[in-house]
Amino acid sequence: MAVETSTTEVSARAINAKPYKRDDELWKGILDDIFEDFLRFFFADAGGLFDFDKKFAFLDKEFNRLFPPEEDTAGVRFVDKLVKVHLKNGGSKFILVHVEVQGNGRHEELSSRMFRYFYRAKDKHNVSITAFAILIDDIKSHHPKIYKEEYLGTRLSYEFNTYKLLEQDEGMLRANPNPFAVVALTVLMALKNKKIDDEGLKRIKLDLTYELMKRNLDKEKYDKIWAFLAYYVNFENPKMMIRFEKEVEQLTGRTTPMGVKEILLERREKIGIEKGFEKGIEKGEARKSHDVVENLIIKLTLSDQQVADVAEVSVDFVKKVRQEIISRK
């Protein structure tokens, strides 16, 4: 396994680095990076089912348009992935992955949310879908697996795959050679050791690094998973990261992966660019709708409702444009 780099500047920068708390971004990144391993982890016959020679299509932008990120949900964050996966039989299916991050409260909504995600994606693409909810909360009683609805003789039952990290066996994860097992083990150890001090946390991170080394991964995959385990839980004292990285060098005989922090920052920048791009599109579409409505009002004698129907906008929007026209006269 090659993990050698030419410099250890990451350690120097870690002294003043603000602790990284965005677990959702870490999850988004790791699912992108090792999605094949994710599928192999959950499907024993993945090699016979999926055509891994063809690239996955991550439809995150489309998914975000269908389900805009919720605001002001303190303590509850979600990481949602919609991925197009090619099959060995020549077809293609969709793998819908829903990761609930720091799920404290509002648990009763998960099942209905999973069903809503399913039927909207199904309606848009009209293909078979398998859905996962990866639960990394610390509430033992919380494990939704099914959504049910019944009214006047009509019944609906929707079951989805779930993976509750708190319920996993540590020994089995250590014995599993799949790289995703290290990701799962990282989260499990974090759940089991919430009140641990920096020294104890360093020991756990070193142990996880050793588990990662045993998988004999290529440098790129090793670096990305190491970034996840290194930053998933932060040290209280940022200087402890330097000690941790030095001990990783002693353990591996090589310098720690260069660019760990850069990997995370690059993801944050990418997300910012994508959001800005989407906002630009939204503004352009809004301007176009405004012009269409204005032309309909000026050139045709139509009611607000008729204009709204033709332009496919709300009546309130039409009224706003009409008021702007009147104010200009």
Protein backbone atom coordinates (compact mmCIF):
# COMPACT_ATOMS: atom_id res chain seq x y z
CA MET A 1 0.00 0.00 0.00
CA ALA A 2 1.43 3.35 -1.05
CA VAL A 3 0.61 6.28 1.22
CA GLU A 4 3.83 8.24 0.88
CA THR A 5 3.82 11.99 0.29
CA SER A 6 6.46 14.64 -0.13
CA THR A 7 5.55 16.97 2.75
CA THR A 8 3.73 17.21 6.07
CA GLU A 9 2.33 20.69 5.76
CA VAL A 10 -1.11 19.43 6.79
CA SER A 11 0.16 19.01 10.35
CA ALA A 12 1.40 22.59 10.53
CA ARG A 13 -1.90 23.93 9.26
CA ALA A 14 -3.85 21.78 11.71
CA ILE A 15 -2.68 23.91 14.68
CA ASN A 16 -4.88 26.84 13.73
CA ALA A 17 -7.50 24.90 11.83
CA LYS A 18 -11.06 25.21 13.04
CA PRO A 19 -12.41 21.78 14.08
CA TYR A 20 -14.27 20.21 11.23
CA LYS A 21 -17.85 19.51 12.26
CA ARG A 22 -19.63 18.95 8.97
CA ASP A 23 -20.38 15.24 9.25
CA ASP A 24 -22.82 15.54 6.35
CA GLU A 25 -20.07 16.67 3.98
CA LEU A 26 -17.83 13.84 5.13
CA TRP A 27 -20.60 11.37 4.41
CA LYS A 28 -21.35 12.87 1.01
CA GLY A 29 -17.70 12.64 0.08
CA ILE A 30 -17.09 9.10 1.28
CA LEU A 31 -20.21 7.76 -0.45
CA ASP A 32 -19.00 9.31 -3.70
CA ASP A 33 -15.48 7.97 -3.20
CA ILE A 34 -16.24 4.33 -2.34
CA PHE A 35 -19.75 3.71 -3.65
CA GLU A 36 -18.70 0.45 -5.28
CA ASP A 37 -17.45 -0.76 -1.91
CA PHE A 38 -20.72 0.40 -0.37
CA LEU A 39 -22.66 -1.81 -2.80
CA ARG A 40 -20.33 -4.75 -2.25
CA PHE A 41 -20.70 -4.30 1.52
CA PHE A 42 -24.49 -4.66 1.40
CA PHE A 43 -24.91 -7.04 -1.54
CA ALA A 44 -22.99 -10.31 -1.37
CA ASP A 45 -23.67 -10.89 -5.08
CA ALA A 46 -22.84 -7.30 -6.13
CA GLY A 47 -20.25 -8.51 -8.64
CA GLY A 48 -22.91 -10.52 -10.46
CA LEU A 49 -25.59 -7.84 -10.22
CA PHE A 50 -23.84 -4.59 -11.10
CA ASP A 51 -21.67 -3.64 -14.04
CA PHE A 52 -18.81 -1.89 -12.27
CA ASP A 53 -17.01 -1.24 -15.55
CA LYS A 54 -19.56 1.52 -16.19
CA LYS A 55 -19.44 4.69 -14.13
CA PHE A 56 -22.06 5.56 -11.56
CA ALA A 57 -24.21 8.61 -12.23
CA PHE A 58 -24.67 10.67 -9.06
CA LEU A 59 -27.86 12.67 -9.49
CA ASP A 60 -27.44 14.88 -6.43
CA LYS A 61 -28.41 18.12 -8.20
CA GLU A 62 -31.60 16.58 -9.49
CA PHE A 63 -32.33 15.11 -6.06
CA ASN A 64 -31.81 18.48 -4.38
CA ARG A 65 -34.27 20.08 -6.77
CA LEU A 66 -36.87 17.46 -5.91
CA PHE A 67 -36.15 17.81 -2.20
CA PRO A 68 -34.68 21.21 -1.26
CA PRO A 69 -32.45 21.05 1.87
CA GLU A 70 -34.40 21.73 5.03
CA GLU A 71 -33.50 24.89 6.90
CA ASP A 72 -33.34 25.47 10.65
CA THR A 73 -33.32 21.77 11.52
CA ALA A 74 -30.97 22.02 14.47
CA GLY A 75 -29.59 18.64 15.46
CA VAL A 76 -31.04 16.89 12.42
CA ARG A 77 -29.18 16.72 9.12
CA PHE A 78 -29.61 14.44 6.18
CA VAL A 79 -27.36 13.28 3.39
CA ASP A 80 -29.29 12.09 0.39
CA LYS A 81 -27.90 10.36 -2.66
CA LEU A 82 -29.61 9.22 -5.83
CA VAL A 83 -27.27 7.07 -7.90
CA LYS A 84 -27.82 5.44 -11.28
CA VAL A 85 -26.14 2.04 -11.35
CA HIS A 86 -25.74 -0.12 -14.45
CA LEU A 87 -26.62 -3.79 -14.26
CA LYS A 88 -24.86 -6.80 -15.71
CA ASN A 89 -28.00 -7.68 -17.66
CA GLY A 90 -27.70 -4.43 -19.61
CA GLY A 91 -30.36 -2.45 -17.80
CA SER A 92 -30.01 0.23 -15.17
CA LYS A 93 -31.56 0.76 -11.77
CA PHE A 94 -31.42 3.47 -9.17
CA ILE A 95 -29.90 3.12 -5.73
CA LEU A 96 -31.44 5.65 -3.38
CA VAL A 97 -29.25 6.20 -0.33
CA HIS A 98 -30.52 8.23 2.59
CA VAL A 99 -28.13 8.90 5.45
CA GLU A 100 -29.53 10.42 8.61
CA VAL A 101 -26.79 12.37 10.38
CA GLN A 102 -26.99 13.27 14.06
CA GLY A 103 -30.64 12.28 14.14
CA ASN A 104 -31.88 13.81 17.37
CA GLY A 105 -35.64 14.27 17.29
CA ARG A 106 -38.27 14.13 14.55
CA HIS A 107 -37.60 10.43 14.14
CA GLU A 108 -41.22 9.70 13.35
CA GLU A 109 -40.81 11.50 10.02
CA LEU A 110 -38.07 9.28 8.60
CA SER A 111 -40.37 6.55 7.25
CA SER A 112 -42.70 8.99 5.52
CA ARG A 113 -39.73 10.92 4.16
CA MET A 114 -38.21 7.73 2.75
CA PHE A 115 -41.51 6.90 1.05
CA ARG A 116 -41.80 10.43 -0.36
CA TYR A 117 -38.27 10.22 -1.78
CA PHE A 118 -39.08 6.84 -3.30
CA TYR A 119 -42.29 7.74 -5.07
CA ARG A 120 -40.96 11.01 -6.48
CA ALA A 121 -37.83 9.35 -7.87
CA LYS A 122 -39.96 6.47 -9.15
CA ASP A 123 -42.40 8.86 -10.79
CA LYS A 124 -39.60 10.77 -12.53
CA HIS A 125 -37.52 7.84 -13.77
CA ASN A 126 -39.99 4.92 -13.79
CA VAL A 127 -37.35 2.31 -12.90
CA SER A 128 -36.90 -0.05 -9.99
CA ILE A 129 -35.32 1.51 -6.92
CA THR A 130 -33.72 0.14 -3.79
CA ALA A 131 -33.50 2.50 -0.82
CA PHE A 132 -31.24 2.58 2.23
CA ALA A 133 -31.51 4.49 5.46
CA ILE A 134 -28.18 4.50 7.30
CA LEU A 135 -28.94 5.47 10.89
CA ILE A 136 -26.05 6.85 12.92
CA ASP A 137 -27.98 8.27 15.86
CA ASP A 138 -27.45 7.04 19.43
CA ILE A 139 -31.08 6.28 20.33
CA LYS A 140 -31.55 2.52 20.70
CA SER A 141 -35.33 2.62 20.31
CA HIS A 142 -35.13 4.44 16.98
CA HIS A 143 -35.09 2.04 14.06
CA PRO A 144 -37.83 2.77 11.50
CA LYS A 145 -38.03 0.20 8.74
CA ILE A 146 -41.46 0.58 7.20
CA TYR A 147 -44.01 3.21 6.21
CA LYS A 148 -47.70 2.30 6.47
CA GLU A 149 -50.82 4.18 5.58
CA GLU A 150 -54.43 3.06 5.61
CA TYR A 151 -57.69 4.81 4.88
CA LEU A 152 -61.15 3.39 4.14
CA GLY A 153 -59.96 0.03 2.88
CA THR A 154 -56.94 1.37 1.00
CA ARG A 155 -53.63 0.18 2.45
CA LEU A 156 -50.05 1.08 1.68
CA SER A 157 -46.95 -0.60 3.07
CA TYR A 158 -43.45 0.51 2.03
CA GLU A 159 -40.37 -1.22 3.43
CA PHE A 160 -36.81 -0.02 2.93
CA ASN A 161 -33.32 -1.22 3.82
CA THR A 162 -31.89 0.12 7.07
CA TYR A 163 -28.46 -0.07 8.64
CA LYS A 164 -28.27 1.01 12.25
CA LEU A 165 -24.63 1.62 13.21
CA LEU A 166 -25.33 1.36 16.93
CA GLU A 167 -26.52 -2.23 16.46
CA GLN A 168 -23.46 -3.45 14.56
CA ASP A 169 -20.93 -5.94 15.88
CA GLU A 170 -17.46 -4.43 16.23
CA GLY A 171 -15.70 -7.76 15.73
CA MET A 172 -17.53 -8.48 12.49
CA LEU A 173 -16.64 -5.06 11.10
CA ARG A 174 -12.98 -5.59 11.96
CA ALA A 175 -13.05 -8.97 10.23
CA ASN A 176 -14.71 -7.58 7.10
CA PRO A 177 -12.07 -6.69 4.45
CA ASN A 178 -14.42 -4.28 2.66
CA PRO A 179 -13.20 -0.64 2.98
CA PHE A 180 -16.72 0.52 3.90
CA ALA A 181 -16.37 -1.57 7.05
CA VAL A 182 -13.75 0.94 8.27
CA VAL A 183 -16.21 3.78 7.68
CA ALA A 184 -18.88 1.92 9.63
CA LEU A 185 -16.38 1.05 12.37
CA THR A 186 -15.36 4.73 12.65
CA VAL A 187 -18.96 5.75 13.32
CA LEU A 188 -19.58 2.85 15.70
CA MET A 189 -16.51 3.72 17.77
CA ALA A 190 -17.62 7.36 17.88
CA LEU A 191 -21.04 6.30 19.17
CA LYS A 192 -19.50 4.05 21.82
CA ASN A 193 -16.97 6.62 23.04
CA LYS A 194 -18.78 9.95 23.12
CA LYS A 195 -17.21 11.15 26.38
CA ILE A 196 -13.66 10.06 25.65
CA ASP A 197 -10.76 12.47 26.13
CA ASP A 198 -8.23 13.44 23.45
CA GLU A 199 -5.72 10.74 24.42
CA GLY A 200 -8.38 8.07 24.20
CA LEU A 201 -9.64 9.46 20.91
CA LYS A 202 -6.10 9.42 19.51
CA ARG A 203 -5.76 5.75 20.43
CA ILE A 204 -9.02 4.97 18.64
CA LYS A 205 -7.97 6.88 15.52
CA LEU A 206 -4.64 5.03 15.47
CA ASP A 207 -6.48 1.74 15.82
CA LEU A 208 -8.77 2.70 12.93
CA THR A 209 -5.71 3.66 10.86
CA TYR A 210 -4.29 0.19 11.51
CA GLU A 211 -7.60 -1.36 10.41
CA LEU A 212 -7.44 0.70 7.24
CA MET A 213 -3.86 -0.40 6.56
CA LYS A 214 -4.88 -4.05 6.77
CA ARG A 215 -7.13 -3.58 3.72
CA ASN A 216 -4.11 -2.93 1.47
CA LEU A 217 -5.81 -0.17 -0.51
CA ASP A 218 -4.39 1.99 -3.26
CA LYS A 219 -3.15 5.43 -2.20
CA GLU A 220 -6.14 7.42 -3.45
CA LYS A 221 -8.75 5.32 -1.68
CA TYR A 222 -6.62 5.06 1.46
CA ASP A 223 -6.27 8.86 1.64
CA LYS A 224 -9.99 9.48 1.30
CA ILE A 225 -11.05 6.96 3.92
CA TRP A 226 -8.29 8.18 6.21
CA ALA A 227 -9.69 11.70 5.82
CA PHE A 228 -13.06 10.39 7.00
CA LEU A 229 -11.71 8.63 10.09
CA ALA A 230 -9.29 11.44 10.93
CA TYR A 231 -11.91 14.21 10.89
CA TYR A 232 -15.16 12.42 11.72
CA VAL A 233 -14.67 13.25 15.39
CA ASN A 234 -12.42 16.20 16.22
CA PHE A 235 -9.95 16.58 19.05
CA GLU A 236 -10.78 19.20 21.66
CA ASN A 237 -7.22 20.48 21.37
CA PRO A 238 -6.34 21.04 17.66
CA LYS A 239 -2.65 20.46 18.46
CA MET A 240 -3.50 16.84 19.19
CA MET A 241 -3.93 16.33 15.45
CA ILE A 242 -0.19 16.95 15.00
CA ARG A 243 0.66 14.27 17.57
CA PHE A 244 -1.81 11.91 15.93
CA GLU A 245 -0.31 12.43 12.48
CA LYS A 246 3.23 11.90 13.79
CA GLU A 247 2.18 8.64 15.41
CA VAL A 248 0.49 7.60 12.15
CA GLU A 249 3.84 8.16 10.42
CA GLN A 250 5.53 5.94 13.00
CA LEU A 251 2.83 3.29 12.62
CA THR A 252 2.89 3.22 8.82
CA GLY A 253 6.53 4.11 8.27
CA ARG A 254 5.41 6.79 5.85
CA THR A 255 4.17 10.35 6.05
CA THR A 256 0.47 10.92 6.60
CA PRO A 257 -1.65 11.44 3.49
CA MET A 258 -1.10 14.85 1.99
CA GLY A 259 -4.20 16.83 1.19
CA VAL A 260 -6.60 15.45 3.79
CA LYS A 261 -7.73 18.91 4.77
CA GLU A 262 -7.62 19.95 1.14
CA ILE A 263 -9.96 17.08 0.23
CA LEU A 264 -12.53 18.43 2.68
CA LEU A 265 -12.06 22.05 1.65
CA GLU A 266 -12.33 21.13 -2.02
CA ARG A 267 -15.63 19.41 -1.36
CA ARG A 268 -16.95 22.45 0.47
CA GLU A 269 -15.86 24.72 -2.40
CA LYS A 270 -17.45 22.37 -4.93
CA ILE A 271 -20.73 22.42 -3.02
CA GLY A 272 -20.59 26.22 -2.90
CA ILE A 273 -19.97 26.46 -6.65
CA GLU A 274 -22.81 24.07 -7.41
CA LYS A 275 -25.19 25.97 -5.16
CA GLY A 276 -24.19 29.25 -6.77
CA PHE A 277 -24.65 27.78 -10.22
CA GLU A 278 -28.09 26.46 -9.31
CA LYS A 279 -29.08 29.83 -7.84
CA GLY A 280 -27.97 31.47 -11.08
CA ILE A 281 -30.17 29.11 -13.06
CA GLU A 282 -33.08 29.79 -10.73
CA LYS A 283 -32.66 33.55 -11.14
CA GLY A 284 -32.51 33.20 -14.90
CA GLU A 285 -35.66 31.09 -14.97
CA ALA A 286 -37.43 33.57 -12.67
CA ARG A 287 -36.49 36.45 -15.01
CA LYS A 288 -37.79 34.51 -17.99
CA SER A 289 -41.09 33.79 -16.23
CA HIS A 290 -41.40 37.44 -15.28
CA ASP A 291 -41.00 38.54 -18.92
CA VAL A 292 -43.54 36.00 -20.16
CA VAL A 293 -46.12 37.09 -17.59
CA GLU A 294 -45.53 40.76 -18.35
CA ASN A 295 -46.06 40.19 -22.09
CA LEU A 296 -49.27 38.26 -21.47
CA ILE A 297 -50.64 41.01 -19.27
CA ILE A 298 -49.75 43.83 -21.66
CA LYS A 299 -50.65 42.21 -24.98
CA LEU A 300 -53.66 40.07 -24.04
CA THR A 301 -56.79 40.69 -22.02
CA LEU A 302 -56.47 37.81 -19.60
CA SER A 303 -57.35 37.39 -15.96
CA ASP A 304 -54.68 36.73 -13.37
CA GLN A 305 -55.72 33.09 -13.23
CA GLN A 306 -55.55 32.72 -17.01
CA VAL A 307 -52.07 34.27 -17.14
CA ALA A 308 -50.94 31.99 -14.31
CA ASP A 309 -52.22 28.93 -16.17
CA VAL A 310 -50.52 29.88 -19.45
CA ALA A 311 -47.18 30.85 -17.87
CA GLU A 312 -47.29 28.02 -15.31
CA VAL A 313 -46.70 30.34 -12.37
CA SER A 314 -48.68 31.25 -9.26
CA VAL A 315 -51.51 33.76 -9.27
CA ASP A 316 -49.64 35.75 -6.59
CA PHE A 317 -46.68 36.06 -8.95
CA VAL A 318 -48.97 37.37 -11.71
CA LYS A 319 -50.50 39.92 -9.34
CA LYS A 320 -47.04 41.12 -8.36
CA VAL A 321 -46.01 41.63 -12.01
CA ARG A 322 -49.30 43.37 -12.80
CA GLN A 323 -48.73 45.77 -9.89
CA GLU A 324 -45.23 46.53 -11.20
CA ILE A 325 -46.70 47.40 -14.62
CA ILE A 326 -49.28 49.70 -13.05
CA SER A 327 -46.65 51.44 -10.93
CA ARG A 328 -44.56 52.20 -14.02
CA LYS A 329 -47.40 54.04 -15.75
